[in-house]
Amino acid sequence: MVGGPGPPVLLLHGFPDHRHLWRYQVPPLAAAGFRVIAPDLRGFGDAPRPQDPKDYGIPLVVADVIGILDALGVKQVQLVAHDWGAAVGWALARQYPDR
């Protein structure tokens, strides 16, 4: 889910949720002028569901998120994260502090 015209804000959902967890936050954020990015994390919602539990490691999910940001041409975001998404967000901020 991507919407809005301005500075990007990345919303990372928790377990066992998906991007629709943020359905009440996306419209006000977009109305406030933010470009909202709320992806389904690996294995949730419409995202691919690997069979091997090792394929759900935080480094792999962080790489997925960086790939999404790169595909969207986003260099830096404001980060909002919940539950499992918070663990991913912490790792993302630690590994890519300039993003």
PDB file of N, CA and C in Angstrom:
ATOM      1  N   MET A   1       0.855  -1.161   0.000  1.00  0.00           N
ATOM      2  CA  MET A   1       0.000   0.000   0.000  1.00  0.00           C
ATOM      3  C   MET A   1       0.901   1.224   0.000  1.00  0.00           C
ATOM      4  N   VAL A   2       0.771   2.059  -1.010  1.00  0.00           N
ATOM      5  CA  VAL A   2       1.546   3.292  -1.120  1.00  0.00           C
ATOM      6  C   VAL A   2       0.593   4.393  -1.505  1.00  0.00           C
ATOM      7  N   GLY A   3       0.665   5.525  -0.812  1.00  0.00           N
ATOM      8  CA  GLY A   3      -0.197   6.643  -1.151  1.00  0.00           C
ATOM      9  C   GLY A   3       0.293   7.932  -0.536  1.00  0.00           C
ATOM     10  N   GLY A   4      -0.082   9.033  -1.129  1.00  0.00           N
ATOM     11  CA  GLY A   4       0.282  10.342  -0.629  1.00  0.00           C
ATOM     12  C   GLY A   4       1.451  10.936  -1.396  1.00  0.00           C
ATOM     13  N   PRO A   5       1.592  12.260  -1.330  1.00  0.00           N
ATOM     14  CA  PRO A   5       2.536  12.957  -2.186  1.00  0.00           C
ATOM     15  C   PRO A   5       3.877  13.365  -1.564  1.00  0.00           C
ATOM     16  N   GLY A   6       4.019  13.377  -0.268  1.00  0.00           N
ATOM     17  CA  GLY A   6       5.143  14.063   0.354  1.00  0.00           C
ATOM     18  C   GLY A   6       6.248  13.192   0.893  1.00  0.00           C
ATOM     19  N   PRO A   7       6.827  13.622   2.016  1.00  0.00           N
ATOM     20  CA  PRO A   7       7.914  12.862   2.630  1.00  0.00           C
ATOM     21  C   PRO A   7       7.438  11.463   3.005  1.00  0.00           C
ATOM     22  N   PRO A   8       8.254  10.447   2.748  1.00  0.00           N
ATOM     23  CA  PRO A   8       7.800   9.083   2.979  1.00  0.00           C
ATOM     24  C   PRO A   8       7.806   8.677   4.453  1.00  0.00           C
ATOM     25  N   VAL A   9       6.784   7.942   4.819  1.00  0.00           N
ATOM     26  CA  VAL A   9       6.702   7.306   6.129  1.00  0.00           C
ATOM     27  C   VAL A   9       6.457   5.821   5.872  1.00  0.00           C
ATOM     28  N   LEU A  10       7.276   4.985   6.513  1.00  0.00           N
ATOM     29  CA  LEU A  10       7.213   3.537   6.331  1.00  0.00           C
ATOM     30  C   LEU A  10       6.521   2.913   7.537  1.00  0.00           C
ATOM     31  N   LEU A  11       5.469   2.150   7.291  1.00  0.00           N
ATOM     32  CA  LEU A  11       4.705   1.487   8.347  1.00  0.00           C
ATOM     33  C   LEU A  11       4.953  -0.018   8.256  1.00  0.00           C
ATOM     34  N   LEU A  12       5.530  -0.587   9.312  1.00  0.00           N
ATOM     35  CA  LEU A  12       5.808  -2.025   9.339  1.00  0.00           C
ATOM     36  C   LEU A  12       4.908  -2.700  10.360  1.00  0.00           C
ATOM     37  N   HIS A  13       4.105  -3.624   9.906  1.00  0.00           N
ATOM     38  CA  HIS A  13       3.116  -4.304  10.747  1.00  0.00           C
ATOM     39  C   HIS A  13       3.751  -5.381  11.616  1.00  0.00           C
ATOM     40  N   GLY A  14       2.965  -5.873  12.551  1.00  0.00           N
ATOM     41  CA  GLY A  14       3.414  -6.934  13.450  1.00  0.00           C
ATOM     42  C   GLY A  14       2.883  -8.295  13.053  1.00  0.00           C
ATOM     43  N   PHE A  15       3.023  -9.236  13.959  1.00  0.00           N
ATOM     44  CA  PHE A  15       2.593 -10.625  13.770  1.00  0.00           C
ATOM     45  C   PHE A  15       1.262 -10.819  14.484  1.00  0.00           C
ATOM     46  N   PRO A  16       0.322 -11.459  13.867  1.00  0.00           N
ATOM     47  CA  PRO A  16       0.256 -12.040  12.530  1.00  0.00           C
ATOM     48  C   PRO A  16      -0.495 -11.144  11.555  1.00  0.00           C
ATOM     49  N   ASP A  17      -0.254  -9.886  11.619  1.00  0.00           N
ATOM     50  CA  ASP A  17      -0.991  -8.907  10.812  1.00  0.00           C
ATOM     51  C   ASP A  17      -0.472  -8.812   9.384  1.00  0.00           C
ATOM     52  N   HIS A  18      -0.960  -7.805   8.684  1.00  0.00           N
ATOM     53  CA  HIS A  18      -0.516  -7.474   7.333  1.00  0.00           C
ATOM     54  C   HIS A  18      -0.724  -5.979   7.159  1.00  0.00           C
ATOM     55  N   ARG A  19      -0.501  -5.480   5.966  1.00  0.00           N
ATOM     56  CA  ARG A  19      -0.524  -4.032   5.733  1.00  0.00           C
ATOM     57  C   ARG A  19      -1.838  -3.367   6.127  1.00  0.00           C
ATOM     58  N   HIS A  20      -2.920  -4.105   6.130  1.00  0.00           N
ATOM     59  CA  HIS A  20      -4.223  -3.511   6.454  1.00  0.00           C
ATOM     60  C   HIS A  20      -4.358  -3.140   7.928  1.00  0.00           C
ATOM     61  N   LEU A  21      -3.398  -3.559   8.749  1.00  0.00           N
ATOM     62  CA  LEU A  21      -3.366  -3.110  10.144  1.00  0.00           C
ATOM     63  C   LEU A  21      -3.371  -1.590  10.198  1.00  0.00           C
ATOM     64  N   TRP A  22      -2.757  -0.961   9.209  1.00  0.00           N
ATOM     65  CA  TRP A  22      -2.580   0.492   9.189  1.00  0.00           C
ATOM     66  C   TRP A  22      -3.720   1.226   8.480  1.00  0.00           C
ATOM     67  N   ARG A  23      -4.823   0.559   8.191  1.00  0.00           N
ATOM     68  CA  ARG A  23      -5.893   1.166   7.386  1.00  0.00           C
ATOM     69  C   ARG A  23      -6.455   2.448   7.980  1.00  0.00           C
ATOM     70  N   TYR A  24      -6.382   2.605   9.294  1.00  0.00           N
ATOM     71  CA  TYR A  24      -6.910   3.834   9.911  1.00  0.00           C
ATOM     72  C   TYR A  24      -5.860   4.935   9.993  1.00  0.00           C
ATOM     73  N   GLN A  25      -4.598   4.583   9.855  1.00  0.00           N
ATOM     74  CA  GLN A  25      -3.526   5.568   9.915  1.00  0.00           C
ATOM     75  C   GLN A  25      -3.159   6.116   8.529  1.00  0.00           C
ATOM     76  N   VAL A  26      -3.321   5.304   7.497  1.00  0.00           N
ATOM     77  CA  VAL A  26      -2.896   5.704   6.159  1.00  0.00           C
ATOM     78  C   VAL A  26      -3.638   6.952   5.676  1.00  0.00           C
ATOM     79  N   PRO A  27      -4.970   7.013   5.704  1.00  0.00           N
ATOM     80  CA  PRO A  27      -5.634   8.214   5.181  1.00  0.00           C
ATOM     81  C   PRO A  27      -5.234   9.512   5.898  1.00  0.00           C
ATOM     82  N   PRO A  28      -5.174   9.537   7.248  1.00  0.00           N
ATOM     83  CA  PRO A  28      -4.755  10.792   7.881  1.00  0.00           C
ATOM     84  C   PRO A  28      -3.301  11.167   7.570  1.00  0.00           C
ATOM     85  N   LEU A  29      -2.419  10.168   7.490  1.00  0.00           N
ATOM     86  CA  LEU A  29      -1.031  10.466   7.154  1.00  0.00           C
ATOM     87  C   LEU A  29      -0.919  11.026   5.732  1.00  0.00           C
ATOM     88  N   ALA A  30      -1.620  10.405   4.794  1.00  0.00           N
ATOM     89  CA  ALA A  30      -1.613  10.900   3.416  1.00  0.00           C
ATOM     90  C   ALA A  30      -2.232  12.298   3.346  1.00  0.00           C
ATOM     91  N   ALA A  31      -3.316  12.513   4.077  1.00  0.00           N
ATOM     92  CA  ALA A  31      -3.960  13.829   4.099  1.00  0.00           C
ATOM     93  C   ALA A  31      -3.048  14.890   4.713  1.00  0.00           C
ATOM     94  N   ALA A  32      -2.167  14.471   5.616  1.00  0.00           N
ATOM     95  CA  ALA A  32      -1.214  15.391   6.243  1.00  0.00           C
ATOM     96  C   ALA A  32      -0.012  15.661   5.341  1.00  0.00           C
ATOM     97  N   GLY A  33       0.014  15.023   4.165  1.00  0.00           N
ATOM     98  CA  GLY A  33       1.062  15.301   3.200  1.00  0.00           C
ATOM     99  C   GLY A  33       2.194  14.296   3.144  1.00  0.00           C
ATOM    100  N   PHE A  34       2.015  13.130   3.785  1.00  0.00           N
ATOM    101  CA  PHE A  34       3.049  12.113   3.748  1.00  0.00           C
ATOM    102  C   PHE A  34       2.806  11.126   2.611  1.00  0.00           C
ATOM    103  N   ARG A  35       3.885  10.584   2.090  1.00  0.00           N
ATOM    104  CA  ARG A  35       3.813   9.441   1.174  1.00  0.00           C
ATOM    105  C   ARG A  35       3.893   8.204   2.064  1.00  0.00           C
ATOM    106  N   VAL A  36       2.809   7.493   2.184  1.00  0.00           N
ATOM    107  CA  VAL A  36       2.719   6.358   3.098  1.00  0.00           C
ATOM    108  C   VAL A  36       3.084   5.075   2.359  1.00  0.00           C
ATOM    109  N   ILE A  37       3.990   4.316   2.967  1.00  0.00           N
ATOM    110  CA  ILE A  37       4.422   3.025   2.421  1.00  0.00           C
ATOM    111  C   ILE A  37       4.137   1.986   3.492  1.00  0.00           C
ATOM    112  N   ALA A  38       3.202   1.088   3.209  1.00  0.00           N
ATOM    113  CA  ALA A  38       2.798   0.053   4.173  1.00  0.00           C
ATOM    114  C   ALA A  38       2.803  -1.302   3.463  1.00  0.00           C
ATOM    115  N   PRO A  39       3.954  -1.959   3.413  1.00  0.00           N
ATOM    116  CA  PRO A  39       4.035  -3.246   2.710  1.00  0.00           C
ATOM    117  C   PRO A  39       3.583  -4.412   3.579  1.00  0.00           C
ATOM    118  N   ASP A  40       3.245  -5.501   2.919  1.00  0.00           N
ATOM    119  CA  ASP A  40       3.106  -6.781   3.607  1.00  0.00           C
ATOM    120  C   ASP A  40       4.513  -7.327   3.788  1.00  0.00           C
ATOM    121  N   LEU A  41       4.878  -7.659   5.011  1.00  0.00           N
ATOM    122  CA  LEU A  41       6.182  -8.273   5.240  1.00  0.00           C
ATOM    123  C   LEU A  41       6.156  -9.730   4.792  1.00  0.00           C
ATOM    124  N   ARG A  42       7.317 -10.266   4.540  1.00  0.00           N
ATOM    125  CA  ARG A  42       7.499 -11.642   4.074  1.00  0.00           C
ATOM    126  C   ARG A  42       6.610 -12.618   4.855  1.00  0.00           C
ATOM    127  N   GLY A  43       5.778 -13.360   4.112  1.00  0.00           N
ATOM    128  CA  GLY A  43       4.932 -14.380   4.716  1.00  0.00           C
ATOM    129  C   GLY A  43       3.568 -13.907   5.167  1.00  0.00           C
ATOM    130  N   PHE A  44       3.276 -12.618   5.043  1.00  0.00           N
ATOM    131  CA  PHE A  44       2.005 -12.068   5.523  1.00  0.00           C
ATOM    132  C   PHE A  44       1.248 -11.414   4.377  1.00  0.00           C
ATOM    133  N   GLY A  45      -0.067 -11.362   4.486  1.00  0.00           N
ATOM    134  CA  GLY A  45      -0.883 -10.721   3.464  1.00  0.00           C
ATOM    135  C   GLY A  45      -0.622 -11.315   2.096  1.00  0.00           C
ATOM    136  N   ASP A  46      -0.313 -10.451   1.134  1.00  0.00           N
ATOM    137  CA  ASP A  46      -0.068 -10.885  -0.242  1.00  0.00           C
ATOM    138  C   ASP A  46       1.400 -11.174  -0.535  1.00  0.00           C
ATOM    139  N   ALA A  47       2.268 -11.056   0.474  1.00  0.00           N
ATOM    140  CA  ALA A  47       3.698 -11.304   0.259  1.00  0.00           C
ATOM    141  C   ALA A  47       3.954 -12.800   0.098  1.00  0.00           C
ATOM    142  N   PRO A  48       5.052 -13.156  -0.577  1.00  0.00           N
ATOM    143  CA  PRO A  48       5.412 -14.575  -0.712  1.00  0.00           C
ATOM    144  C   PRO A  48       5.569 -15.241   0.655  1.00  0.00           C
ATOM    145  N   ARG A  49       5.227 -16.526   0.712  1.00  0.00           N
ATOM    146  CA  ARG A  49       5.290 -17.310   1.952  1.00  0.00           C
ATOM    147  C   ARG A  49       6.295 -18.444   1.809  1.00  0.00           C
ATOM    148  N   PRO A  50       7.540 -18.190   2.153  1.00  0.00           N
ATOM    149  CA  PRO A  50       8.534 -19.273   2.082  1.00  0.00           C
ATOM    150  C   PRO A  50       8.136 -20.436   2.991  1.00  0.00           C
ATOM    151  N   GLN A  51       8.523 -21.631   2.611  1.00  0.00           N
ATOM    152  CA  GLN A  51       8.199 -22.827   3.399  1.00  0.00           C
ATOM    153  C   GLN A  51       9.195 -23.067   4.531  1.00  0.00           C
ATOM    154  N   ASP A  52      10.452 -22.694   4.319  1.00  0.00           N
ATOM    155  CA  ASP A  52      11.496 -22.942   5.306  1.00  0.00           C
ATOM    156  C   ASP A  52      11.511 -21.822   6.352  1.00  0.00           C
ATOM    157  N   PRO A  53      11.371 -22.137   7.636  1.00  0.00           N
ATOM    158  CA  PRO A  53      11.387 -21.103   8.671  1.00  0.00           C
ATOM    159  C   PRO A  53      12.655 -20.234   8.655  1.00  0.00           C
ATOM    160  N   LYS A  54      13.767 -20.764   8.189  1.00  0.00           N
ATOM    161  CA  LYS A  54      15.001 -19.976   8.100  1.00  0.00           C
ATOM    162  C   LYS A  54      14.855 -18.793   7.150  1.00  0.00           C
ATOM    163  N   ASP A  55      13.883 -18.870   6.249  1.00  0.00           N
ATOM    164  CA  ASP A  55      13.670 -17.799   5.271  1.00  0.00           C
ATOM    165  C   ASP A  55      12.879 -16.625   5.837  1.00  0.00           C
ATOM    166  N   TYR A  56      12.637 -16.643   7.147  1.00  0.00           N
ATOM    167  CA  TYR A  56      11.924 -15.550   7.810  1.00  0.00           C
ATOM    168  C   TYR A  56      12.832 -14.761   8.752  1.00  0.00           C
ATOM    169  N   GLY A  57      14.130 -14.943   8.641  1.00  0.00           N
ATOM    170  CA  GLY A  57      15.054 -14.238   9.518  1.00  0.00           C
ATOM    171  C   GLY A  57      15.004 -12.732   9.307  1.00  0.00           C
ATOM    172  N   ILE A  58      15.270 -12.010  10.370  1.00  0.00           N
ATOM    173  CA  ILE A  58      15.216 -10.549  10.309  1.00  0.00           C
ATOM    174  C   ILE A  58      16.124  -9.978   9.224  1.00  0.00           C
ATOM    175  N   PRO A  59      17.357 -10.480   9.047  1.00  0.00           N
ATOM    176  CA  PRO A  59      18.173  -9.912   7.960  1.00  0.00           C
ATOM    177  C   PRO A  59      17.526 -10.037   6.581  1.00  0.00           C
ATOM    178  N   LEU A  60      16.817 -11.126   6.353  1.00  0.00           N
ATOM    179  CA  LEU A  60      16.138 -11.301   5.058  1.00  0.00           C
ATOM    180  C   LEU A  60      14.971 -10.344   4.918  1.00  0.00           C
ATOM    181  N   VAL A  61      14.225 -10.145   5.993  1.00  0.00           N
ATOM    182  CA  VAL A  61      13.084  -9.220   5.941  1.00  0.00           C
ATOM    183  C   VAL A  61      13.580  -7.782   5.788  1.00  0.00           C
ATOM    184  N   VAL A  62      14.672  -7.438   6.462  1.00  0.00           N
ATOM    185  CA  VAL A  62      15.273  -6.112   6.279  1.00  0.00           C
ATOM    186  C   VAL A  62      15.672  -5.921   4.817  1.00  0.00           C
ATOM    187  N   ALA A  63      16.276  -6.926   4.229  1.00  0.00           N
ATOM    188  CA  ALA A  63      16.651  -6.842   2.811  1.00  0.00           C
ATOM    189  C   ALA A  63      15.416  -6.648   1.929  1.00  0.00           C
ATOM    190  N   ASP A  64      14.316  -7.317   2.279  1.00  0.00           N
ATOM    191  CA  ASP A  64      13.065  -7.126   1.537  1.00  0.00           C
ATOM    192  C   ASP A  64      12.626  -5.663   1.604  1.00  0.00           C
ATOM    193  N   VAL A  65      12.658  -5.099   2.809  1.00  0.00           N
ATOM    194  CA  VAL A  65      12.204  -3.713   2.998  1.00  0.00           C
ATOM    195  C   VAL A  65      13.110  -2.759   2.226  1.00  0.00           C
ATOM    196  N   ILE A  66      14.415  -2.959   2.290  1.00  0.00           N
ATOM    197  CA  ILE A  66      15.342  -2.114   1.524  1.00  0.00           C
ATOM    198  C   ILE A  66      15.052  -2.252   0.030  1.00  0.00           C
ATOM    199  N   GLY A  67      14.758  -3.459  -0.408  1.00  0.00           N
ATOM    200  CA  GLY A  67      14.397  -3.669  -1.814  1.00  0.00           C
ATOM    201  C   GLY A  67      13.147  -2.910  -2.214  1.00  0.00           C
ATOM    202  N   ILE A  68      12.156  -2.885  -1.324  1.00  0.00           N
ATOM    203  CA  ILE A  68      10.925  -2.132  -1.595  1.00  0.00           C
ATOM    204  C   ILE A  68      11.246  -0.645  -1.698  1.00  0.00           C
ATOM    205  N   LEU A  69      12.008  -0.128  -0.726  1.00  0.00           N
ATOM    206  CA  LEU A  69      12.359   1.298  -0.758  1.00  0.00           C
ATOM    207  C   LEU A  69      13.153   1.638  -2.007  1.00  0.00           C
ATOM    208  N   ASP A  70      14.101   0.784  -2.364  1.00  0.00           N
ATOM    209  CA  ASP A  70      14.891   1.017  -3.579  1.00  0.00           C
ATOM    210  C   ASP A  70      14.004   1.007  -4.824  1.00  0.00           C
ATOM    211  N   ALA A  71      13.081   0.056  -4.893  1.00  0.00           N
ATOM    212  CA  ALA A  71      12.186  -0.032  -6.053  1.00  0.00           C
ATOM    213  C   ALA A  71      11.309   1.210  -6.178  1.00  0.00           C
ATOM    214  N   LEU A  72      10.982   1.807  -5.041  1.00  0.00           N
ATOM    215  CA  LEU A  72      10.160   3.024  -5.047  1.00  0.00           C
ATOM    216  C   LEU A  72      11.001   4.293  -5.181  1.00  0.00           C
ATOM    217  N   GLY A  73      12.327   4.141  -5.197  1.00  0.00           N
ATOM    218  CA  GLY A  73      13.195   5.305  -5.289  1.00  0.00           C
ATOM    219  C   GLY A  73      13.246   6.136  -4.019  1.00  0.00           C
ATOM    220  N   VAL A  74      12.996   5.498  -2.887  1.00  0.00           N
ATOM    221  CA  VAL A  74      12.954   6.193  -1.597  1.00  0.00           C
ATOM    222  C   VAL A  74      14.310   6.068  -0.918  1.00  0.00           C
ATOM    223  N   LYS A  75      14.913   7.204  -0.613  1.00  0.00           N
ATOM    224  CA  LYS A  75      16.243   7.216   0.009  1.00  0.00           C
ATOM    225  C   LYS A  75      16.185   7.249   1.530  1.00  0.00           C
ATOM    226  N   GLN A  76      15.142   7.889   2.095  1.00  0.00           N
ATOM    227  CA  GLN A  76      15.044   8.024   3.551  1.00  0.00           C
ATOM    228  C   GLN A  76      13.577   8.075   3.943  1.00  0.00           C
ATOM    229  N   VAL A  77      13.249   7.455   5.094  1.00  0.00           N
ATOM    230  CA  VAL A  77      11.865   7.412   5.565  1.00  0.00           C
ATOM    231  C   VAL A  77      11.785   7.781   7.045  1.00  0.00           C
ATOM    232  N   GLN A  78      10.596   8.151   7.443  1.00  0.00           N
ATOM    233  CA  GLN A  78      10.230   8.151   8.847  1.00  0.00           C
ATOM    234  C   GLN A  78       9.663   6.759   9.089  1.00  0.00           C
ATOM    235  N   LEU A  79      10.007   6.147  10.207  1.00  0.00           N
ATOM    236  CA  LEU A  79       9.644   4.753  10.447  1.00  0.00           C
ATOM    237  C   LEU A  79       8.644   4.637  11.591  1.00  0.00           C
ATOM    238  N   VAL A  80       7.583   3.881  11.335  1.00  0.00           N
ATOM    239  CA  VAL A  80       6.601   3.517  12.358  1.00  0.00           C
ATOM    240  C   VAL A  80       6.481   2.000  12.297  1.00  0.00           C
ATOM    241  N   ALA A  81       6.666   1.332  13.445  1.00  0.00           N
ATOM    242  CA  ALA A  81       6.667  -0.125  13.418  1.00  0.00           C
ATOM    243  C   ALA A  81       5.985  -0.688  14.656  1.00  0.00           C
ATOM    244  N   HIS A  82       5.383  -1.857  14.488  1.00  0.00           N
ATOM    245  CA  HIS A  82       4.608  -2.505  15.544  1.00  0.00           C
ATOM    246  C   HIS A  82       5.029  -3.967  15.676  1.00  0.00           C
ATOM    247  N   ASP A  83       5.248  -4.438  16.896  1.00  0.00           N
ATOM    248  CA  ASP A  83       5.436  -5.856  17.188  1.00  0.00           C
ATOM    249  C   ASP A  83       6.606  -6.428  16.378  1.00  0.00           C
ATOM    250  N   TRP A  84       6.375  -7.460  15.571  1.00  0.00           N
ATOM    251  CA  TRP A  84       7.411  -8.055  14.734  1.00  0.00           C
ATOM    252  C   TRP A  84       8.012  -6.999  13.815  1.00  0.00           C
ATOM    253  N   GLY A  85       7.196  -6.103  13.316  1.00  0.00           N
ATOM    254  CA  GLY A  85       7.697  -5.023  12.471  1.00  0.00           C
ATOM    255  C   GLY A  85       8.667  -4.130  13.213  1.00  0.00           C
ATOM    256  N   ALA A  86       8.507  -3.996  14.534  1.00  0.00           N
ATOM    257  CA  ALA A  86       9.437  -3.190  15.325  1.00  0.00           C
ATOM    258  C   ALA A  86      10.823  -3.836  15.351  1.00  0.00           C
ATOM    259  N   ALA A  87      10.875  -5.156  15.486  1.00  0.00           N
ATOM    260  CA  ALA A  87      12.168  -5.843  15.458  1.00  0.00           C
ATOM    261  C   ALA A  87      12.844  -5.631  14.106  1.00  0.00           C
ATOM    262  N   VAL A  88      12.064  -5.702  13.050  1.00  0.00           N
ATOM    263  CA  VAL A  88      12.587  -5.438  11.709  1.00  0.00           C
ATOM    264  C   VAL A  88      13.035  -3.980  11.617  1.00  0.00           C
ATOM    265  N   GLY A  89      12.232  -3.075  12.139  1.00  0.00           N
ATOM    266  CA  GLY A  89      12.560  -1.650  12.116  1.00  0.00           C
ATOM    267  C   GLY A  89      13.835  -1.328  12.876  1.00  0.00           C
ATOM    268  N   TRP A  90      14.033  -1.952  14.041  1.00  0.00           N
ATOM    269  CA  TRP A  90      15.266  -1.727  14.804  1.00  0.00           C
ATOM    270  C   TRP A  90      16.479  -2.165  13.994  1.00  0.00           C
ATOM    271  N   ALA A  91      16.376  -3.342  13.382  1.00  0.00           N
ATOM    272  CA  ALA A  91      17.488  -3.855  12.574  1.00  0.00           C
ATOM    273  C   ALA A  91      17.716  -2.958  11.353  1.00  0.00           C
ATOM    274  N   LEU A  92      16.645  -2.503  10.751  1.00  0.00           N
ATOM    275  CA  LEU A  92      16.741  -1.608   9.599  1.00  0.00           C
ATOM    276  C   LEU A  92      17.470  -0.321   9.985  1.00  0.00           C
ATOM    277  N   ALA A  93      17.079   0.266  11.104  1.00  0.00           N
ATOM    278  CA  ALA A  93      17.704   1.511  11.559  1.00  0.00           C
ATOM    279  C   ALA A  93      19.168   1.291  11.938  1.00  0.00           C
ATOM    280  N   ARG A  94      19.475   0.144  12.514  1.00  0.00           N
ATOM    281  CA  ARG A  94      20.848  -0.164  12.912  1.00  0.00           C
ATOM    282  C   ARG A  94      21.734  -0.375  11.679  1.00  0.00           C
ATOM    283  N   GLN A  95      21.214  -1.098  10.703  1.00  0.00           N
ATOM    284  CA  GLN A  95      22.021  -1.435   9.519  1.00  0.00           C
ATOM    285  C   GLN A  95      22.075  -0.314   8.487  1.00  0.00           C
ATOM    286  N   TYR A  96      21.020   0.481   8.427  1.00  0.00           N
ATOM    287  CA  TYR A  96      20.911   1.536   7.417  1.00  0.00           C
ATOM    288  C   TYR A  96      20.503   2.848   8.079  1.00  0.00           C
ATOM    289  N   PRO A  97      21.340   3.402   8.949  1.00  0.00           N
ATOM    290  CA  PRO A  97      20.940   4.598   9.701  1.00  0.00           C
ATOM    291  C   PRO A  97      20.650   5.816   8.819  1.00  0.00           C
ATOM    292  N   ASP A  98      21.208   5.852   7.627  1.00  0.00           N
ATOM    293  CA  ASP A  98      20.958   6.997   6.736  1.00  0.00           C
ATOM    294  C   ASP A  98      19.644   6.872   5.980  1.00  0.00           C
ATOM    295  N   ARG A  99      19.033   5.702   6.058  1.00  0.00           N
ATOM    296  CA  ARG A  99      17.780   5.495   5.324  1.00  0.00           C
ATOM    297  C   ARG A  99      16.602   5.971   6.155  1.00  0.00           C
TER     298      ARG A  99
END
